[in-house]
Structures are given as structure tokens and as C-alpha cells.
Amino acid sequence: MAIDFRVRDFFHPVRILRLHRDFERHQWEPLSAVRAYQIGRLRAVLSVARDHVPFYRELFARVGFDPSALESDSDLAALPLLTRDVVREHQAAMRADDAHRLGAIVQRTSGTTGRPIEFLADAESQSLEFVYYWRHWSWAGYRLGDRFAELGSQFFLRRSDDAIACWQPGLRRLMLDSTRVSAENARPFADAIRRHRPRFLKGMPSAVHLLAESLRDAGIDDLRFRAVFTNGEPVTASHRASVERVFGCRVLDSYGHMERTVAISQCLEGEYHVHPDYGLLQLVESGAPTGRPGTSHEEKASHELSDSVRAAEATPRHAVDDDGGSARLPRRARVIGTSLHNRAMPFVRYELGDQVELYSEPRTCRCGRSFPVVKRILGRSRDVVVTPDGRHISTLFMLPEMVEGALLTQFVQESPRELRIRVAPGPGWSESSERQMREYAQRLVGPSMRVDVECVPGEQLLDESGKLRTVVSHL
């Protein structure tokens, strides 16, 4: 999910302004009022799905589900989880028969974690995306029309020149080529930022971090933003600290996806707020049986948590801590999303493959917003290394925090017995750092895997969109 202020977003100004008015009000209302709005939207979208989407018409009839009788999100338990494989198999049947009337356009996921998915997004969901980011950015003082800079690559792939920056006056946006971020290009990037004076910066955490470190290494310390907005991948504590130190502002992270069923974003207090008026979030925690009929095989040994984001006692899990000992990992839950606004191709109980970390008790935020909070975005549950004895190791992302000088890190599993760690070294990286990285990883995966560490330039670890894929598996 990405913010992109395009002219076509204003083809429906009345819809945008109405939705923005509602969204501004929702964040300060009691959560019960927002829940009522959410259930109303859910009934409406599911009723449309029953009447106009062949896939859901057949499914609802088969399990005896009546959208008009829905009273709580827990009523959705009668429906199976929707996986990406199911979407690919039934893509045509999942499209509304009146999609053309809804102003639907074809969208495509990035495919950075698997085969891309094509789906339809109606005009209302396009407005939704715009309004959601408008609200989130406003938490840091953004006003529509403020200048901002964006690190990206697709814009530059379409150009024939060799520019690393481009100012778009109509959009008040300074585009910066994320694939060209390096120590050698630090000064041209800085010159462009000084010339156009953007108040905010947006980009993938890895690309933003690489820019900050490149500027710092070049001795450039006069660039300031009001906030830096990140999305697309989990932001680590060290990356956040580096960016905030260089640019003198807060990093506000957000989580979402192209299919537009769930949105989570940080406020200035640092809490990750679930946006219940954007989509329906349900959480599934591994480890407890459901026994529900009709669920997918992936839900075995799981149970649902309400999206009030309550948390219970977790089954202890462990990883290597800073002293090389054992440290308990926090409780995690899988993210399940349902569309509240896209009638052209709604996703219902959609398995996103991502995880969040939960607080041990429900909590409210000092910012005063009623929206529920989660502790942290952990990213994709499929970002794991599989050991020869069948263990799934998902805690490798912690290692760069424990080793000095690891600017960016990627874990590549070449075979069941081979793990290659690709590191972009930064200040402080040494032979000792390399040895620690190898030893910590070896403790996690066990002695039956060979672990190698390879130093590479940071730009080699980012894909075309500027995203760092933490785990690459060739199994």
C-alpha cells in the first residue's frame, strides 16, 4: 500500500471530502461508535458480495451465511480464511458483475514475497487510500498541499534521462531515486532537498535509512523534516534511531497492503493504531485449537482474537539475546483482513501472511485517539529459515540489532543446509562484527547448517521498489 497524490484522486472531490470528514471524526469518537460504523460497512459490502460476486454467492449459500443478519465481526467465523492461492484460482469469480459501474480499475500486488495478484479496486477504495494517508500524515502536522519528498524507483524507470531527483510542481512532490542512494550521491540528493525544501519524507525504511547514513557519512547535517513516513517493511530500532538522529524528527511507520483490508499506523506517541474504519482486522494466534468447521487447514492449532487487540499469556519462545543467552520473545498474532470499502472485488477473512506483536493487556494511547493499538509490526510470517530438522526460524531479523555496524542485512537460504547472510557494512563493522553475526545465527539455526557472511553494497540489497526483503529462500 503506498501513498501517491495523483490528479485522478481528485476526480471525485465530493466523495473524498465526505470520507475525510467522517474519518477525522471517527478517531476521536468512542470506540463503540466506530465499531457500529464498521459493522454497518461490513453488512453493506458483504450484501453486495452476495448479490454481485459469484464466488461469495456460492460460498455464503454453502455455509448458510446471511450478511444482513450480521451483528458482530465474530459472525464471520462461519467463513473460511481466504488465501492468495484461492484468489488466484477463483480470480474471475471474485469480481463483481457490476464492477464497471463502480469505476473499478485493475491493481496488481508487487509480488516481492511471491507471485503477484491482480484484483479490482473500485473508485471508493481509491478515495479510501487517499483519505487514510491524509489522516495519518496529518498526525504529524501535514496539510494537503505541503511539499514532501519520496524515495522510490518506478518513477525513474520510466524516464530516459539519468536524473536522481525530479520535482513535480503540480503534486508538490520531490521524487528521489532509491536505487541511486549511496555515499557518492549524497551531495546531489542533499542539493535537491535544499532546493525544493520538502517538509516531509516518505519511503521504505531501508531506503530512508540508507539515505540518512549516506548523508551522515558525507558530513551533511543541515537537512531537517517535520516527520519521516515509512511503510512497506518492518522498521528496526536501529534504523529508526539513525533516521531520527540525522533528520531531527520522528519516524511514523505504517502498515498496509495493496488489497486494502487492514491499515495500522503510528502516532506521535509512537503507538501503532489499528484503523477500524478502513478495514476489519482480526488476529489469529498460533498455538490454540479452534475446532471451527469450515476453516482452512492453515488455521489448525489457532484461535481468533477480537480486533480490540487483547492479548493473553503467550507460549514461551526464545532467541539469542545481546549476551548470547536466551531471551523470551513476545507473543505474536497473524493478521486477517476484510474489505469495508471495495465492492468491486471484496476480500473477506483474507490471510495476509503478516504478523504483529501484541501488548499483554489492552491499552489506550496518550494521543487521545480511541483506535486500538498493537505493540509492533513484525512483518511476514513466511520470512523464515527452515532448518534441516524442520524448525522454522523467524527471529533472524533481531540479529542486526545485536551486532555493531550492520547497516542492512539479508538472510538467503540457498539449500536446507546453507544460510548466507548478506550485510551492507556501516561504521563500526569489523571482523568481530562478522564473527558475532555468524555465531549468533549459528546458535539460532543449529550446527547442521552452514552459515556464511558476505559484505555487499547497500543498494544491492534493495529491490526495484526500494524494499529490503529480509529473508530470501530458494527452497
Protein backbone atom coordinates (compact mmCIF):
# COMPACT_ATOMS: atom_id res chain seq x y z
CA MET A 1 0.00 0.00 0.00
CA ALA A 2 1.52 3.32 -1.00
CA ILE A 3 0.60 6.96 -0.90
CA ASP A 4 0.58 8.62 -4.29
CA PHE A 5 -1.06 12.01 -4.67
CA ARG A 6 -2.30 11.82 -8.24
CA VAL A 7 -4.59 14.10 -10.18
CA ARG A 8 -7.06 11.26 -10.74
CA ASP A 9 -7.64 11.09 -6.98
CA PHE A 10 -9.50 14.37 -7.29
CA PHE A 11 -11.96 13.17 -9.93
CA HIS A 12 -14.33 12.54 -7.01
CA PRO A 13 -13.74 15.52 -4.68
CA VAL A 14 -17.15 15.26 -3.01
CA ARG A 15 -16.55 11.60 -2.07
CA ILE A 16 -13.05 12.39 -0.81
CA LEU A 17 -14.16 15.34 1.31
CA ARG A 18 -17.12 13.42 2.76
CA LEU A 19 -14.94 10.45 3.65
CA HIS A 20 -12.27 12.72 5.09
CA ARG A 21 -14.85 14.44 7.29
CA ASP A 22 -16.04 11.08 8.60
CA PHE A 23 -12.51 9.77 9.15
CA GLU A 24 -11.46 12.89 11.06
CA ARG A 25 -14.44 12.44 13.36
CA HIS A 26 -14.02 8.70 13.89
CA GLN A 27 -10.58 8.89 15.51
CA TRP A 28 -11.95 10.94 18.43
CA GLU A 29 -15.25 9.11 18.86
CA PRO A 30 -15.79 6.33 21.43
CA LEU A 31 -14.66 3.03 20.01
CA SER A 32 -18.21 1.70 20.28
CA ALA A 33 -19.35 4.32 17.75
CA VAL A 34 -16.56 3.36 15.35
CA ARG A 35 -17.49 -0.31 15.79
CA ALA A 36 -21.07 0.49 14.81
CA TYR A 37 -19.80 2.22 11.66
CA GLN A 38 -17.56 -0.78 10.95
CA ILE A 39 -20.37 -3.33 11.28
CA GLY A 40 -22.62 -1.21 9.06
CA ARG A 41 -19.95 -1.08 6.37
CA LEU A 42 -19.35 -4.81 6.75
CA ARG A 43 -23.03 -5.65 6.24
CA ALA A 44 -23.19 -3.42 3.17
CA VAL A 45 -20.07 -4.83 1.49
CA LEU A 46 -20.98 -8.45 2.23
CA SER A 47 -24.53 -7.93 0.96
CA VAL A 48 -23.10 -6.59 -2.29
CA ALA A 49 -20.76 -9.59 -2.40
CA ARG A 50 -23.71 -11.97 -2.01
CA ASP A 51 -25.72 -10.25 -4.76
CA HIS A 52 -22.99 -9.45 -7.30
CA VAL A 53 -19.91 -11.65 -6.70
CA PRO A 54 -20.31 -15.28 -7.86
CA PHE A 55 -17.59 -16.61 -5.54
CA TYR A 56 -19.25 -15.25 -2.41
CA ARG A 57 -22.77 -16.03 -3.59
CA GLU A 58 -21.86 -19.72 -3.78
CA LEU A 59 -19.81 -19.67 -0.56
CA PHE A 60 -22.46 -17.92 1.55
CA ALA A 61 -25.15 -20.31 0.30
CA ARG A 62 -22.97 -23.33 1.03
CA VAL A 63 -22.22 -22.39 4.66
CA GLY A 64 -25.59 -20.72 5.34
CA PHE A 65 -24.18 -17.23 5.94
CA ASP A 66 -26.59 -14.25 5.78
CA PRO A 67 -24.81 -10.85 5.63
CA SER A 68 -27.95 -8.94 6.58
CA ALA A 69 -28.10 -10.83 9.90
CA LEU A 70 -24.50 -9.99 10.83
CA GLU A 71 -24.27 -8.44 14.30
CA SER A 72 -20.58 -8.83 15.17
CA ASP A 73 -17.32 -9.49 13.41
CA SER A 74 -17.24 -12.83 15.24
CA ASP A 75 -20.09 -13.94 12.96
CA LEU A 76 -17.50 -14.19 10.19
CA ALA A 77 -16.12 -17.30 11.90
CA ALA A 78 -18.55 -19.30 9.75
CA LEU A 79 -16.42 -18.41 6.71
CA PRO A 80 -13.06 -19.98 5.81
CA LEU A 81 -9.89 -17.96 5.55
CA LEU A 82 -9.13 -16.60 2.09
CA THR A 83 -5.60 -17.27 0.88
CA ARG A 84 -3.69 -15.85 -2.06
CA ASP A 85 -3.81 -19.23 -3.80
CA VAL A 86 -7.61 -19.20 -3.56
CA VAL A 87 -7.71 -15.68 -5.00
CA ARG A 88 -5.56 -16.75 -7.95
CA GLU A 89 -7.68 -19.83 -8.59
CA HIS A 90 -11.04 -18.00 -8.41
CA GLN A 91 -9.98 -14.56 -9.63
CA ALA A 92 -12.70 -14.21 -12.26
CA ALA A 93 -15.47 -15.42 -9.94
CA MET A 94 -14.36 -12.98 -7.23
CA ARG A 95 -15.07 -9.93 -9.41
CA ALA A 96 -18.42 -8.18 -9.06
CA ASP A 97 -20.64 -8.49 -12.12
CA ASP A 98 -21.24 -4.71 -11.99
CA ALA A 99 -17.60 -3.72 -11.46
CA HIS A 100 -17.66 -1.39 -14.47
CA ARG A 101 -20.42 0.66 -12.82
CA LEU A 102 -18.26 1.08 -9.73
CA GLY A 103 -15.41 2.69 -11.65
CA ALA A 104 -13.14 -0.28 -10.97
CA ILE A 105 -9.53 -0.37 -12.13
CA VAL A 106 -7.11 -3.30 -12.23
CA GLN A 107 -4.48 -3.29 -9.49
CA ARG A 108 -1.53 -5.61 -9.06
CA THR A 109 0.41 -6.54 -5.94
CA SER A 110 4.17 -6.12 -6.01
CA GLY A 111 4.94 -9.83 -5.87
CA THR A 112 8.02 -9.22 -3.71
CA THR A 113 7.01 -12.13 -1.47
CA GLY A 114 5.54 -14.42 -4.12
CA ARG A 115 3.58 -14.39 -7.37
CA PRO A 116 1.69 -11.10 -7.91
CA ILE A 117 -2.10 -10.98 -7.66
CA GLU A 118 -4.33 -8.94 -9.94
CA PHE A 119 -7.55 -7.59 -8.45
CA LEU A 120 -10.13 -4.86 -8.96
CA ALA A 121 -10.36 -1.71 -6.84
CA ASP A 122 -13.44 0.49 -7.19
CA ALA A 123 -13.48 4.29 -7.12
CA GLU A 124 -14.49 4.38 -3.46
CA SER A 125 -11.48 2.31 -2.40
CA GLN A 126 -9.22 4.66 -4.36
CA SER A 127 -10.63 7.55 -2.35
CA LEU A 128 -10.23 5.48 0.81
CA GLU A 129 -6.50 5.12 0.26
CA PHE A 130 -6.04 8.83 -0.29
CA VAL A 131 -8.09 9.81 2.78
CA TYR A 132 -6.39 7.26 5.04
CA TYR A 133 -2.95 8.65 4.30
CA TRP A 134 -4.23 12.22 4.50
CA ARG A 135 -5.40 11.48 8.04
CA HIS A 136 -2.26 9.64 9.08
CA TRP A 137 0.11 12.29 7.75
CA SER A 138 -1.93 15.00 9.45
CA TRP A 139 -0.99 13.43 12.78
CA ALA A 140 2.48 14.87 12.16
CA GLY A 141 1.19 18.26 11.00
CA TYR A 142 0.82 17.59 7.28
CA ARG A 143 -1.67 19.78 5.42
CA LEU A 144 -2.89 18.97 1.94
CA GLY A 145 -0.54 20.76 -0.45
CA ASP A 146 2.57 20.63 1.75
CA ARG A 147 5.77 19.76 -0.07
CA PHE A 148 7.11 16.27 0.51
CA ALA A 149 9.95 14.10 -0.79
CA GLU A 150 9.52 10.45 -1.71
CA LEU A 151 12.15 7.77 -2.18
CA GLY A 152 11.10 5.41 -4.96
CA SER A 153 12.26 3.79 -8.17
CA GLN A 154 9.37 3.07 -10.55
CA PHE A 155 9.04 6.76 -11.45
CA PHE A 156 12.66 6.83 -12.64
CA LEU A 157 12.43 3.55 -14.54
CA ARG A 158 10.04 5.30 -16.94
CA ARG A 159 12.46 8.17 -17.60
CA SER A 160 15.13 8.23 -20.29
CA ASP A 161 17.48 10.66 -18.54
CA ASP A 162 19.95 9.99 -15.72
CA ALA A 163 18.32 12.18 -13.08
CA ILE A 164 18.40 11.06 -9.45
CA ALA A 165 15.81 13.64 -8.36
CA CYS A 166 12.77 15.20 -10.01
CA TRP A 167 10.48 17.96 -8.72
CA GLN A 168 6.77 17.62 -9.61
CA PRO A 169 5.29 21.08 -9.01
CA GLY A 170 1.67 20.06 -9.57
CA LEU A 171 1.92 17.38 -6.88
CA ARG A 172 4.30 19.34 -4.63
CA ARG A 173 6.45 16.23 -4.58
CA LEU A 174 10.21 15.73 -4.90
CA MET A 175 10.94 12.25 -6.23
CA LEU A 176 14.29 10.74 -5.20
CA ASP A 177 15.65 7.61 -6.88
CA SER A 178 16.01 4.99 -4.14
CA THR A 179 18.21 2.80 -6.35
CA ARG A 180 20.85 5.56 -6.56
CA VAL A 181 21.29 6.20 -2.84
CA SER A 182 24.98 5.90 -1.99
CA ALA A 183 27.80 7.86 -0.39
CA GLU A 184 28.83 9.11 -3.84
CA ASN A 185 25.37 10.57 -4.50
CA ALA A 186 24.81 12.05 -1.04
CA ARG A 187 25.55 15.63 -2.10
CA PRO A 188 23.31 15.64 -5.22
CA PHE A 189 20.46 14.30 -3.07
CA ALA A 190 21.14 16.95 -0.43
CA ASP A 191 21.24 19.70 -3.07
CA ALA A 192 17.83 18.64 -4.41
CA ILE A 193 16.31 18.59 -0.92
CA ARG A 194 17.72 22.03 -0.10
CA ARG A 195 16.48 23.45 -3.40
CA HIS A 196 12.87 22.29 -3.06
CA ARG A 197 12.53 22.35 0.76
CA PRO A 198 10.10 19.44 1.33
CA ARG A 199 8.63 19.35 4.83
CA PHE A 200 8.19 15.58 4.96
CA LEU A 201 9.98 12.48 3.65
CA LYS A 202 8.37 9.18 2.70
CA GLY A 203 9.94 5.85 1.74
CA MET A 204 10.77 2.27 2.60
CA PRO A 205 12.60 2.07 5.96
CA SER A 206 15.70 0.50 4.40
CA ALA A 207 15.95 3.15 1.67
CA VAL A 208 15.35 6.02 4.11
CA HIS A 209 17.94 4.58 6.48
CA LEU A 210 20.47 4.21 3.67
CA LEU A 211 19.90 7.85 2.66
CA ALA A 212 20.35 9.02 6.25
CA GLU A 213 23.59 7.08 6.68
CA SER A 214 24.94 8.28 3.31
CA LEU A 215 24.28 11.90 4.27
CA ARG A 216 25.86 11.40 7.67
CA ASP A 217 28.98 9.79 6.19
CA ALA A 218 29.29 12.74 3.80
CA GLY A 219 29.18 15.18 6.73
CA ILE A 220 25.81 16.63 5.70
CA ASP A 221 23.86 17.56 8.83
CA ASP A 222 21.64 20.51 7.85
CA LEU A 223 18.64 18.63 6.38
CA ARG A 224 15.52 18.59 8.55
CA PHE A 225 11.97 17.30 8.07
CA ARG A 226 8.87 17.61 10.22
CA ALA A 227 8.38 13.84 10.01
CA VAL A 228 9.54 10.80 8.07
CA PHE A 229 6.82 8.35 6.97
CA THR A 230 7.83 4.74 6.37
CA ASN A 231 5.94 1.69 5.13
CA GLY A 232 6.39 -1.49 3.12
CA GLU A 233 8.62 -3.42 5.55
CA PRO A 234 9.25 -3.57 9.30
CA VAL A 235 11.37 -0.71 10.65
CA THR A 236 14.06 -1.78 13.10
CA ALA A 237 15.00 0.16 16.23
CA SER A 238 18.47 0.97 14.92
CA HIS A 239 17.15 2.20 11.57
CA ARG A 240 14.58 4.37 13.33
CA ALA A 241 17.21 5.86 15.64
CA SER A 242 19.55 6.60 12.74
CA VAL A 243 16.88 8.35 10.65
CA GLU A 244 15.56 10.39 13.58
CA ARG A 245 19.08 11.47 14.52
CA VAL A 246 20.05 12.60 11.01
CA PHE A 247 16.77 14.36 10.10
CA GLY A 248 15.87 15.66 13.57
CA CYS A 249 12.28 14.38 13.53
CA ARG A 250 10.08 11.42 14.36
CA VAL A 251 9.66 8.37 12.15
CA LEU A 252 5.97 7.46 11.79
CA ASP A 253 5.67 3.94 10.44
CA SER A 254 2.58 2.42 8.82
CA TYR A 255 1.41 -0.99 7.68
CA GLY A 256 -0.96 -1.90 4.89
CA HIS A 257 -1.16 -3.71 1.58
CA MET A 258 -2.46 -3.24 -1.94
CA GLU A 259 -5.61 -5.28 -1.33
CA ARG A 260 -6.76 -2.66 1.24
CA THR A 261 -8.27 -4.65 4.07
CA VAL A 262 -6.10 -3.54 7.00
CA ALA A 263 -4.29 -0.33 7.93
CA ILE A 264 -2.11 0.29 11.00
CA SER A 265 -0.04 3.42 11.61
CA GLN A 266 1.96 5.21 14.28
CA CYS A 267 1.01 8.43 16.04
CA LEU A 268 3.48 10.89 17.59
CA GLU A 269 3.32 8.94 20.85
CA GLY A 270 4.86 6.00 18.99
CA GLU A 271 1.86 3.68 19.28
CA TYR A 272 0.66 1.61 16.31
CA HIS A 273 -3.06 2.35 15.86
CA VAL A 274 -5.39 -0.01 14.02
CA HIS A 275 -7.76 1.96 11.73
CA PRO A 276 -11.12 0.18 12.18
CA ASP A 277 -12.94 2.46 9.73
CA TYR A 278 -10.50 1.49 6.94
CA GLY A 279 -10.91 -2.29 7.20
CA LEU A 280 -11.67 -5.09 9.61
CA LEU A 281 -8.66 -6.55 11.39
CA GLN A 282 -8.93 -9.97 13.01
CA LEU A 283 -5.98 -11.70 14.63
CA VAL A 284 -5.12 -15.39 14.81
CA GLU A 285 -2.62 -16.62 17.36
CA SER A 286 -0.85 -19.92 16.72
CA GLY A 287 -0.94 -22.49 19.43
CA ALA A 288 -4.60 -22.91 20.46
CA PRO A 289 -7.17 -25.05 18.63
CA THR A 290 -10.34 -23.57 17.20
CA GLY A 291 -12.34 -26.64 16.26
CA ARG A 292 -14.39 -24.42 13.94
CA PRO A 293 -15.90 -26.07 10.90
CA GLY A 294 -15.12 -24.62 7.54
CA THR A 295 -11.74 -23.10 8.36
CA SER A 296 -8.70 -23.63 6.18
CA HIS A 297 -6.02 -26.14 7.13
CA GLU A 298 -3.71 -23.20 7.87
CA GLU A 299 -5.85 -22.34 10.89
CA LYS A 300 -5.39 -25.62 12.70
CA ALA A 301 -3.96 -25.11 16.19
CA SER A 302 -5.03 -21.45 16.16
CA HIS A 303 -7.68 -19.34 17.78
CA GLU A 304 -9.14 -15.98 16.95
CA LEU A 305 -8.60 -12.83 18.96
CA SER A 306 -11.03 -9.94 18.72
CA ASP A 307 -9.74 -6.84 16.97
CA SER A 308 -9.91 -4.98 20.25
CA VAL A 309 -6.36 -6.38 20.20
CA ARG A 310 -6.50 -8.13 23.56
CA ALA A 311 -3.60 -10.38 24.47
CA ALA A 312 -3.32 -13.35 26.83
CA GLU A 313 -0.37 -15.29 28.18
CA ALA A 314 1.93 -16.44 25.41
CA THR A 315 3.63 -19.75 24.94
CA PRO A 316 7.30 -19.01 25.74
CA ARG A 317 9.56 -18.76 22.73
CA HIS A 318 13.23 -17.92 22.83
CA ALA A 319 16.01 -16.31 20.81
CA VAL A 320 19.60 -15.22 21.34
CA ASP A 321 19.86 -12.02 23.40
CA ASP A 322 22.63 -9.38 23.50
CA ASP A 323 24.75 -11.50 25.82
CA GLY A 324 24.42 -14.59 23.68
CA GLY A 325 21.99 -16.13 26.14
CA SER A 326 18.31 -16.87 25.92
CA ALA A 327 15.65 -14.14 25.67
CA ARG A 328 11.89 -14.67 25.65
CA LEU A 329 10.16 -13.47 22.52
CA PRO A 330 6.84 -11.57 22.69
CA ARG A 331 3.50 -13.05 21.74
CA ARG A 332 2.58 -12.76 18.08
CA ALA A 333 -0.60 -12.94 16.04
CA ARG A 334 -1.31 -13.41 12.35
CA VAL A 335 -3.15 -10.65 10.51
CA ILE A 336 -6.52 -11.40 8.86
CA GLY A 337 -8.26 -8.57 6.96
CA THR A 338 -11.69 -7.89 5.46
CA SER A 339 -12.63 -5.14 2.99
CA LEU A 340 -15.02 -2.43 4.19
CA HIS A 341 -14.98 -0.23 1.09
CA ASN A 342 -14.10 -2.17 -2.08
CA ARG A 343 -17.29 -3.56 -3.64
CA ALA A 344 -15.71 -4.46 -6.98
CA MET A 345 -13.68 -7.32 -5.52
CA PRO A 346 -14.02 -7.57 -1.74
CA PHE A 347 -11.60 -9.68 0.28
CA VAL A 348 -13.26 -11.44 3.24
CA ARG A 349 -11.14 -13.00 6.01
CA TYR A 350 -8.02 -12.55 3.91
CA GLU A 351 -4.86 -14.26 5.18
CA LEU A 352 -2.13 -11.66 4.70
CA GLY A 353 0.83 -13.72 5.89
CA ASP A 354 1.97 -10.94 8.23
CA GLN A 355 2.35 -10.85 11.99
CA VAL A 356 2.01 -8.25 14.75
CA GLU A 357 3.26 -8.24 18.31
CA LEU A 358 0.57 -7.69 20.94
CA TYR A 359 0.61 -5.99 24.31
CA SER A 360 -0.08 -8.25 27.27
CA GLU A 361 -3.08 -6.11 28.27
CA PRO A 362 -5.46 -3.81 26.37
CA ARG A 363 -4.27 -0.20 26.49
CA THR A 364 -5.19 3.27 25.35
CA CYS A 365 -2.87 5.85 23.82
CA ARG A 366 -1.90 9.19 25.32
CA CYS A 367 -2.70 10.84 21.99
CA GLY A 368 -6.39 10.54 22.90
CA ARG A 369 -7.48 8.60 19.83
CA SER A 370 -9.85 5.73 20.51
CA PHE A 371 -8.39 3.41 17.89
CA PRO A 372 -6.95 0.11 19.25
CA VAL A 373 -3.18 -0.32 19.39
CA VAL A 374 -0.72 -3.14 18.76
CA LYS A 375 2.84 -3.10 20.01
CA ARG A 376 4.80 -3.68 16.84
CA ILE A 377 4.61 -4.80 13.20
CA LEU A 378 6.69 -7.93 12.73
CA GLY A 379 6.19 -8.43 9.02
CA ARG A 380 5.67 -11.57 7.06
CA SER A 381 5.26 -14.92 8.76
CA ARG A 382 6.76 -16.54 5.66
CA ASP A 383 10.05 -14.69 6.24
CA VAL A 384 11.55 -17.76 7.87
CA VAL A 385 14.55 -20.01 7.50
CA VAL A 386 13.76 -23.73 7.66
CA THR A 387 16.41 -25.85 9.36
CA PRO A 388 17.25 -29.45 8.35
CA ASP A 389 15.39 -30.71 11.44
CA GLY A 390 12.22 -28.88 10.31
CA ARG A 391 12.30 -25.86 12.64
CA HIS A 392 11.03 -22.52 11.25
CA ILE A 393 13.29 -19.68 12.43
CA SER A 394 11.59 -16.29 12.19
CA THR A 395 13.79 -14.36 14.65
CA LEU A 396 16.76 -13.65 12.41
CA PHE A 397 15.59 -10.06 11.98
CA MET A 398 16.80 -9.45 15.56
CA LEU A 399 20.45 -10.17 14.78
CA PRO A 400 21.41 -6.84 13.13
CA GLU A 401 20.29 -5.10 16.35
CA MET A 402 22.84 -7.16 18.27
CA VAL A 403 25.86 -6.63 16.01
CA GLU A 404 27.66 -3.33 15.61
CA GLY A 405 27.96 -1.84 12.14
CA ALA A 406 25.35 -3.87 10.22
CA LEU A 407 23.73 -1.20 8.07
CA LEU A 408 21.38 -3.54 6.15
CA THR A 409 21.11 -7.31 6.44
CA GLN A 410 19.55 -10.01 4.28
CA PHE A 411 19.36 -13.75 5.01
CA VAL A 412 19.48 -16.03 1.96
CA GLN A 413 18.72 -19.73 2.34
CA GLU A 414 20.39 -21.43 -0.60
CA SER A 415 19.52 -25.00 0.46
CA PRO A 416 18.26 -26.87 3.54
CA ARG A 417 21.81 -26.78 4.95
CA GLU A 418 23.12 -23.43 3.70
CA LEU A 419 22.44 -19.91 5.00
CA ARG A 420 24.15 -16.88 3.50
CA ILE A 421 23.99 -13.57 5.39
CA ARG A 422 24.46 -10.54 3.14
CA VAL A 423 25.48 -7.44 5.08
CA ALA A 424 25.89 -3.83 3.96
CA PRO A 425 28.60 -2.76 6.42
CA GLY A 426 28.41 0.62 8.10
CA PRO A 427 30.59 2.48 10.61
CA GLY A 428 31.73 0.13 13.34
CA TRP A 429 31.62 -3.02 11.22
CA SER A 430 34.67 -5.18 11.86
CA GLU A 431 35.93 -8.73 11.79
CA SER A 432 34.49 -9.05 15.28
CA SER A 433 31.07 -7.96 13.97
CA GLU A 434 31.23 -10.55 11.21
CA ARG A 435 32.19 -13.25 13.69
CA GLN A 436 29.35 -12.27 16.05
CA MET A 437 26.82 -12.28 13.23
CA ARG A 438 27.87 -15.76 12.18
CA GLU A 439 27.93 -17.11 15.74
CA TYR A 440 24.51 -15.69 16.69
CA ALA A 441 22.94 -17.04 13.51
CA GLN A 442 24.58 -20.42 14.09
CA ARG A 443 23.02 -20.61 17.56
CA LEU A 444 19.58 -19.97 16.10
CA VAL A 445 19.71 -22.41 13.18
CA GLY A 446 21.84 -25.07 14.86
CA PRO A 447 25.07 -26.85 13.89
CA SER A 448 23.59 -28.72 10.92
CA MET A 449 23.50 -25.56 8.76
CA ARG A 450 26.49 -23.84 7.23
CA VAL A 451 26.43 -20.07 7.83
CA ASP A 452 28.45 -17.66 5.66
CA VAL A 453 28.61 -13.86 5.91
CA GLU A 454 29.08 -11.75 2.78
CA CYS A 455 29.62 -7.96 2.69
CA VAL A 456 27.93 -6.14 -0.21
CA PRO A 457 26.99 -2.52 -1.09
CA GLY A 458 23.69 -1.49 0.48
CA GLU A 459 22.00 -0.75 -2.84
CA GLN A 460 22.41 -4.41 -3.86
CA LEU A 461 20.08 -5.46 -1.05
CA LEU A 462 17.13 -3.34 -2.18
CA ASP A 463 14.70 -4.45 -4.87
CA GLU A 464 13.36 -2.20 -7.63
CA SER A 465 10.81 -0.64 -5.28
CA GLY A 466 13.48 0.20 -2.71
CA LYS A 467 12.34 -2.56 -0.34
CA LEU A 468 14.64 -4.81 1.63
CA ARG A 469 13.47 -8.41 1.65
CA THR A 470 14.92 -9.67 4.93
CA VAL A 471 14.69 -13.37 4.09
CA VAL A 472 15.13 -14.85 0.62
CA SER A 473 14.51 -18.59 0.42
CA HIS A 474 15.44 -20.74 -2.57
CA LEU A 475 13.89 -23.88 -1.12
